[in-house]
């Protein structure tokens, strides 16, 4: 989607999990809309139960370069969202540098595979601690600064299609993402009086390192009855003569929704769950 004007000029956005994938796309898109960026990512292995490669410091440096290429400023740190004190410090430093905080994109998260009654406590705890508890820590670090700034604002919590439906084979992930819906809706009621809006988005099948085709294939091969819960992405034409889009959506397509929720065009929305899935969950 082409950028028309600078809809977020003068605002500041805090983006977690910003080193690559959706987080990088969101940071760059918000910067392209005029926002300065506070960007964090753990940039290290989270736990041995997470089997796909972690983001690296070099990845975060690429995000910084991409944001700066838009002409906006960026403060980037290697921070684990499970560390509340570190998040509070980076928010304080960002507010000191940029003067305010208007937008939060709570994007950081992890995924692994396994049946609920067979996985280890470590596997369960890691996913829930990062996705749910870590997101709460992001909110705990950011909301007081937003209230103090007195400018209202928008919080976008990145859940998943698994936050709206059952997903056998990664029930711990689904539980964490369902938890984000409750966090979103309760927080929307609590901060509405300050002019702060809170919404969750629910992407499906996004082309990022978190997608492990081999791991998914192993689960479906072992438990083929699970496959019906993961509908294939429908093809949709994208222009005259176009045959359709690929099986996965791009992070940038999700960023279109994030940028809209961050701006004034979505001012009437709070406490909403927005599926970003090309309608796949209606199947």
Protein backbone atom coordinates (compact mmCIF):
# COMPACT_ATOMS: atom_id res chain seq x y z
CA UNK A 1 0.00 0.00 0.00
CA UNK A 2 1.45 3.36 -0.95
CA UNK A 3 2.00 5.89 1.81
CA UNK A 4 -0.11 9.02 1.41
CA UNK A 5 1.15 11.83 3.62
CA UNK A 6 2.69 11.27 7.04
CA UNK A 7 -0.16 10.13 9.23
CA UNK A 8 2.01 9.68 12.33
CA UNK A 9 4.19 12.78 12.05
CA UNK A 10 5.59 13.82 15.44
CA UNK A 11 4.61 10.61 17.22
CA UNK A 12 6.76 7.96 18.88
CA UNK A 13 6.23 4.20 18.64
CA UNK A 14 7.60 1.40 20.83
CA UNK A 15 7.93 -1.88 18.90
CA UNK A 16 8.95 -5.18 20.49
CA UNK A 17 10.49 -8.07 18.58
CA UNK A 18 11.71 -5.51 16.08
CA UNK A 19 14.86 -7.18 14.75
CA UNK A 20 13.17 -9.00 11.88
CA UNK A 21 9.89 -10.36 10.55
CA UNK A 22 6.71 -8.59 11.55
CA UNK A 23 8.46 -6.41 14.12
CA UNK A 24 10.86 -4.95 11.59
CA UNK A 25 8.08 -4.41 9.07
CA UNK A 26 5.96 -2.61 11.67
CA UNK A 27 8.84 -0.40 12.81
CA UNK A 28 9.74 0.59 9.28
CA UNK A 29 6.14 1.22 8.24
CA UNK A 30 5.43 3.40 11.28
CA UNK A 31 8.64 5.32 10.61
CA UNK A 32 7.61 5.76 7.00
CA UNK A 33 4.38 7.28 8.33
CA UNK A 34 6.43 9.81 10.33
CA UNK A 35 6.97 8.19 13.75
CA UNK A 36 10.25 7.93 15.61
CA UNK A 37 10.88 4.41 16.86
CA UNK A 38 11.92 2.70 20.08
CA UNK A 39 12.85 -0.82 18.99
CA UNK A 40 13.75 -3.81 21.13
CA UNK A 41 14.52 -7.47 20.52
CA UNK A 42 16.15 -10.17 22.62
CA UNK A 43 18.62 -10.91 19.78
CA UNK A 44 19.59 -14.21 21.41
CA UNK A 45 18.23 -17.72 21.91
CA UNK A 46 15.16 -17.64 24.15
CA UNK A 47 15.20 -21.27 25.26
CA UNK A 48 16.27 -24.68 23.98
CA UNK A 49 12.62 -25.58 23.37
CA UNK A 50 12.42 -22.90 20.65
CA UNK A 51 13.98 -24.66 17.68
CA UNK A 52 14.03 -22.04 14.92
CA UNK A 53 16.98 -19.59 14.70
CA UNK A 54 16.81 -16.54 16.94
CA UNK A 55 17.15 -12.95 15.80
CA UNK A 56 20.66 -11.53 16.04
CA UNK A 57 22.22 -8.15 16.85
CA UNK A 58 22.94 -7.87 13.13
CA UNK A 59 19.23 -8.25 12.42
CA UNK A 60 18.43 -5.41 14.81
CA UNK A 61 21.11 -3.27 13.17
CA UNK A 62 19.38 -3.85 9.82
CA UNK A 63 16.11 -2.65 11.32
CA UNK A 64 17.86 0.48 12.60
CA UNK A 65 19.27 1.16 9.14
CA UNK A 66 15.87 0.63 7.52
CA UNK A 67 14.17 3.02 9.95
CA UNK A 68 16.87 5.64 9.51
CA UNK A 69 16.50 5.33 5.74
CA UNK A 70 12.98 6.74 6.12
CA UNK A 71 14.45 9.86 7.73
CA UNK A 72 13.19 9.06 11.23
CA UNK A 73 15.14 8.53 14.45
CA UNK A 74 15.40 5.24 16.28
CA UNK A 75 16.53 4.04 19.70
CA UNK A 76 17.29 0.31 19.57
CA UNK A 77 18.24 -2.02 22.40
CA UNK A 78 18.76 -5.72 22.95
CA UNK A 79 16.04 -6.38 25.55
CA UNK A 80 14.17 -9.50 26.58
CA UNK A 81 10.49 -8.67 27.05
CA UNK A 82 10.49 -10.94 30.10
CA UNK A 83 12.70 -8.32 31.80
CA UNK A 84 10.38 -5.61 33.15
CA UNK A 85 13.16 -3.38 34.49
CA UNK A 86 14.94 -3.38 31.13
CA UNK A 87 11.72 -2.47 29.32
CA UNK A 88 11.01 0.32 31.81
CA UNK A 89 14.52 1.67 31.25
CA UNK A 90 14.30 1.68 27.46
CA UNK A 91 10.88 3.37 27.61
CA UNK A 92 12.27 6.02 29.97
CA UNK A 93 15.27 6.56 27.73
CA UNK A 94 13.07 6.74 24.66
CA UNK A 95 10.77 9.32 26.24
CA UNK A 96 13.80 11.33 27.33
CA UNK A 97 15.20 11.25 23.80
CA UNK A 98 12.00 11.76 21.83
CA UNK A 99 9.82 13.58 24.36
CA UNK A 100 6.75 11.34 24.32
CA UNK A 101 5.28 7.90 23.68
CA UNK A 102 2.16 7.49 21.55
CA UNK A 103 2.11 4.00 20.06
CA UNK A 104 2.95 0.54 21.33
CA UNK A 105 3.18 -2.49 19.06
CA UNK A 106 3.50 -5.50 21.38
CA UNK A 107 4.75 -7.89 18.75
CA UNK A 108 7.43 -10.11 20.31
CA UNK A 109 6.53 -13.76 20.66
CA UNK A 110 7.71 -17.35 20.22
CA UNK A 111 6.23 -20.61 18.98
CA UNK A 112 6.93 -24.31 19.44
CA UNK A 113 5.08 -27.53 18.69
CA UNK A 114 3.81 -30.41 20.78
CA UNK A 115 0.71 -31.88 22.37
CA UNK A 116 -0.38 -30.24 25.61
CA UNK A 117 -0.30 -33.43 27.65
CA UNK A 118 3.15 -34.46 26.38
CA UNK A 119 5.23 -31.27 26.38
CA UNK A 120 7.69 -30.44 29.13
CA UNK A 121 6.99 -27.77 31.74
CA UNK A 122 9.88 -25.80 30.23
CA UNK A 123 8.26 -25.81 26.79
CA UNK A 124 4.91 -24.66 28.19
CA UNK A 125 6.44 -22.05 30.48
CA UNK A 126 8.68 -20.52 27.82
CA UNK A 127 5.87 -19.82 25.36
CA UNK A 128 3.46 -18.52 27.98
CA UNK A 129 6.15 -16.46 29.73
CA UNK A 130 7.28 -14.74 26.54
CA UNK A 131 3.96 -14.33 24.75
CA UNK A 132 1.63 -13.50 27.63
CA UNK A 133 3.72 -12.48 30.62
CA UNK A 134 6.25 -10.67 28.44
CA UNK A 135 3.50 -8.72 26.70
CA UNK A 136 2.06 -7.75 30.08
CA UNK A 137 5.52 -6.46 31.01
CA UNK A 138 5.58 -4.39 27.82
CA UNK A 139 2.23 -2.87 28.79
CA UNK A 140 3.38 -2.33 32.37
CA UNK A 141 6.46 -0.49 31.14
CA UNK A 142 4.75 1.61 28.47
CA UNK A 143 1.30 2.62 29.70
CA UNK A 144 2.40 4.85 32.61
CA UNK A 145 4.61 6.79 30.19
CA UNK A 146 1.73 7.20 27.75
CA UNK A 147 -0.60 8.41 30.49
CA UNK A 148 2.00 10.85 31.76
CA UNK A 149 2.55 12.22 28.25
CA UNK A 150 -1.14 13.03 28.09
CA UNK A 151 -1.45 12.57 24.33
CA UNK A 152 -3.70 9.53 24.27
CA UNK A 153 -2.40 6.94 21.88
CA UNK A 154 -2.82 3.49 20.42
CA UNK A 155 -1.68 0.09 21.64
CA UNK A 156 -1.64 -2.76 19.13
CA UNK A 157 -1.23 -6.21 20.64
CA UNK A 158 -0.11 -8.82 18.14
CA UNK A 159 -1.99 -12.00 18.93
CA UNK A 160 -2.62 -14.66 16.28
CA UNK A 161 -5.37 -16.57 14.56
CA UNK A 162 -4.55 -19.03 17.36
CA UNK A 163 -5.88 -16.41 19.75
CA UNK A 164 -9.35 -16.81 18.24
CA UNK A 165 -9.62 -20.53 17.47
CA UNK A 166 -8.33 -23.92 18.59
CA UNK A 167 -4.98 -25.03 17.21
CA UNK A 168 -4.09 -28.61 18.16
CA UNK A 169 -0.36 -29.28 18.27
CA UNK A 170 0.52 -25.89 19.76
CA UNK A 171 -2.07 -25.43 22.48
CA UNK A 172 0.36 -23.57 24.74
CA UNK A 173 0.81 -20.99 21.99
CA UNK A 174 -2.97 -20.75 21.54
CA UNK A 175 -3.45 -20.37 25.29
CA UNK A 176 -0.95 -17.50 25.38
CA UNK A 177 -2.54 -15.80 22.40
CA UNK A 178 -6.06 -16.23 23.78
CA UNK A 179 -4.73 -14.61 26.96
CA UNK A 180 -3.71 -11.59 24.93
CA UNK A 181 -7.34 -11.09 23.93
CA UNK A 182 -8.36 -10.78 27.58
CA UNK A 183 -5.43 -8.46 28.21
CA UNK A 184 -6.47 -6.32 25.24
CA UNK A 185 -10.10 -6.03 26.22
CA UNK A 186 -9.52 -5.34 29.91
CA UNK A 187 -6.80 -2.81 29.18
CA UNK A 188 -9.02 -1.03 26.66
CA UNK A 189 -11.55 -0.41 29.43
CA UNK A 190 -8.91 0.68 31.92
CA UNK A 191 -7.09 3.22 29.74
CA UNK A 192 -9.98 4.59 27.70
CA UNK A 193 -10.36 7.53 30.07
CA UNK A 194 -6.84 8.62 29.07
CA UNK A 195 -7.64 8.60 25.36
CA UNK A 196 -5.62 5.45 24.79
CA UNK A 197 -7.05 2.79 22.48
CA UNK A 198 -6.13 -0.91 22.67
CA UNK A 199 -6.80 -3.47 19.95
CA UNK A 200 -5.44 -6.89 19.09
CA UNK A 201 -4.61 -8.19 15.63
CA UNK A 202 -4.73 -11.85 14.67
CA UNK A 203 -2.46 -12.69 11.74
CA UNK A 204 -2.51 -16.06 10.05
CA UNK A 205 0.30 -17.73 8.11
CA UNK A 206 2.83 -14.89 7.86
CA UNK A 207 6.15 -15.55 6.11
CA UNK A 208 8.61 -15.13 9.00
CA UNK A 209 11.28 -17.36 10.64
CA UNK A 210 8.66 -18.45 13.19
CA UNK A 211 6.98 -20.51 10.47
CA UNK A 212 8.72 -23.90 10.59
CA UNK A 213 7.37 -25.88 7.63
CA UNK A 214 9.33 -28.99 8.59
CA UNK A 215 8.12 -28.96 12.20
CA UNK A 216 4.54 -28.37 11.06
CA UNK A 217 4.81 -31.18 8.53
CA UNK A 218 6.03 -33.57 11.21
CA UNK A 219 3.07 -32.74 13.44
CA UNK A 220 0.55 -33.16 10.63
CA UNK A 221 2.17 -36.40 9.44
CA UNK A 222 1.93 -37.84 12.95
CA UNK A 223 -1.54 -36.45 13.68
CA UNK A 224 -3.30 -35.92 10.32
CA UNK A 225 -6.61 -35.13 12.02
CA UNK A 226 -5.04 -31.84 13.19
CA UNK A 227 -4.65 -30.61 9.63
CA UNK A 228 -8.26 -29.45 9.32
CA UNK A 229 -7.60 -26.81 11.99
CA UNK A 230 -5.00 -25.14 9.75
CA UNK A 231 -6.81 -24.14 6.59
CA UNK A 232 -4.65 -23.20 3.60
CA UNK A 233 -4.39 -19.52 2.82
CA UNK A 234 -6.89 -18.70 0.04
CA UNK A 235 -5.57 -17.16 -3.13
CA UNK A 236 -6.77 -13.68 -3.91
CA UNK A 237 -6.10 -11.71 -7.10
CA UNK A 238 -3.94 -8.64 -6.56
CA UNK A 239 -4.33 -6.87 -9.88
CA UNK A 240 -5.33 -7.18 -13.49
CA UNK A 241 -4.00 -10.44 -14.86
CA UNK A 242 -2.68 -11.57 -11.49
CA UNK A 243 -3.14 -15.20 -10.61
CA UNK A 244 -3.12 -14.61 -6.85
CA UNK A 245 -0.99 -14.24 -3.78
CA UNK A 246 1.33 -16.85 -2.33
CA UNK A 247 0.38 -19.28 0.42
CA UNK A 248 1.87 -17.00 3.10
CA UNK A 249 1.17 -13.33 3.65
CA UNK A 250 4.07 -10.90 3.99
CA UNK A 251 4.85 -9.02 7.21
CA UNK A 252 4.30 -5.79 5.29
CA UNK A 253 0.67 -6.71 4.67
CA UNK A 254 0.16 -6.94 8.42
CA UNK A 255 1.94 -3.60 8.83
CA UNK A 256 -0.76 -1.95 6.74
CA UNK A 257 -3.22 -2.87 9.49
CA UNK A 258 -0.84 -1.86 12.27
CA UNK A 259 -0.27 1.57 10.73
CA UNK A 260 -4.01 2.11 10.40
CA UNK A 261 -4.64 1.15 14.02
CA UNK A 262 -1.80 3.44 15.14
CA UNK A 263 -3.31 6.45 13.39
CA UNK A 264 -6.37 8.61 13.76
CA UNK A 265 -8.32 6.84 11.03
CA UNK A 266 -9.16 4.06 13.50
CA UNK A 267 -10.10 6.43 16.32
CA UNK A 268 -13.43 4.71 16.96
CA UNK A 269 -11.87 1.29 17.58
CA UNK A 270 -10.84 0.02 20.99
CA UNK A 271 -11.17 -3.42 22.50
CA UNK A 272 -11.48 -4.98 19.04
CA UNK A 273 -10.03 -8.20 17.67
CA UNK A 274 -9.04 -7.83 14.03
CA UNK A 275 -8.35 -10.94 11.96
CA UNK A 276 -5.57 -10.38 9.42
CA UNK A 277 -6.05 -13.59 7.50
CA UNK A 278 -7.69 -12.99 4.08
CA UNK A 279 -10.84 -14.50 5.56
CA UNK A 280 -9.31 -17.91 6.21
CA UNK A 281 -10.95 -18.30 9.63
CA UNK A 282 -14.38 -18.14 8.00
CA UNK A 283 -13.75 -21.46 6.29
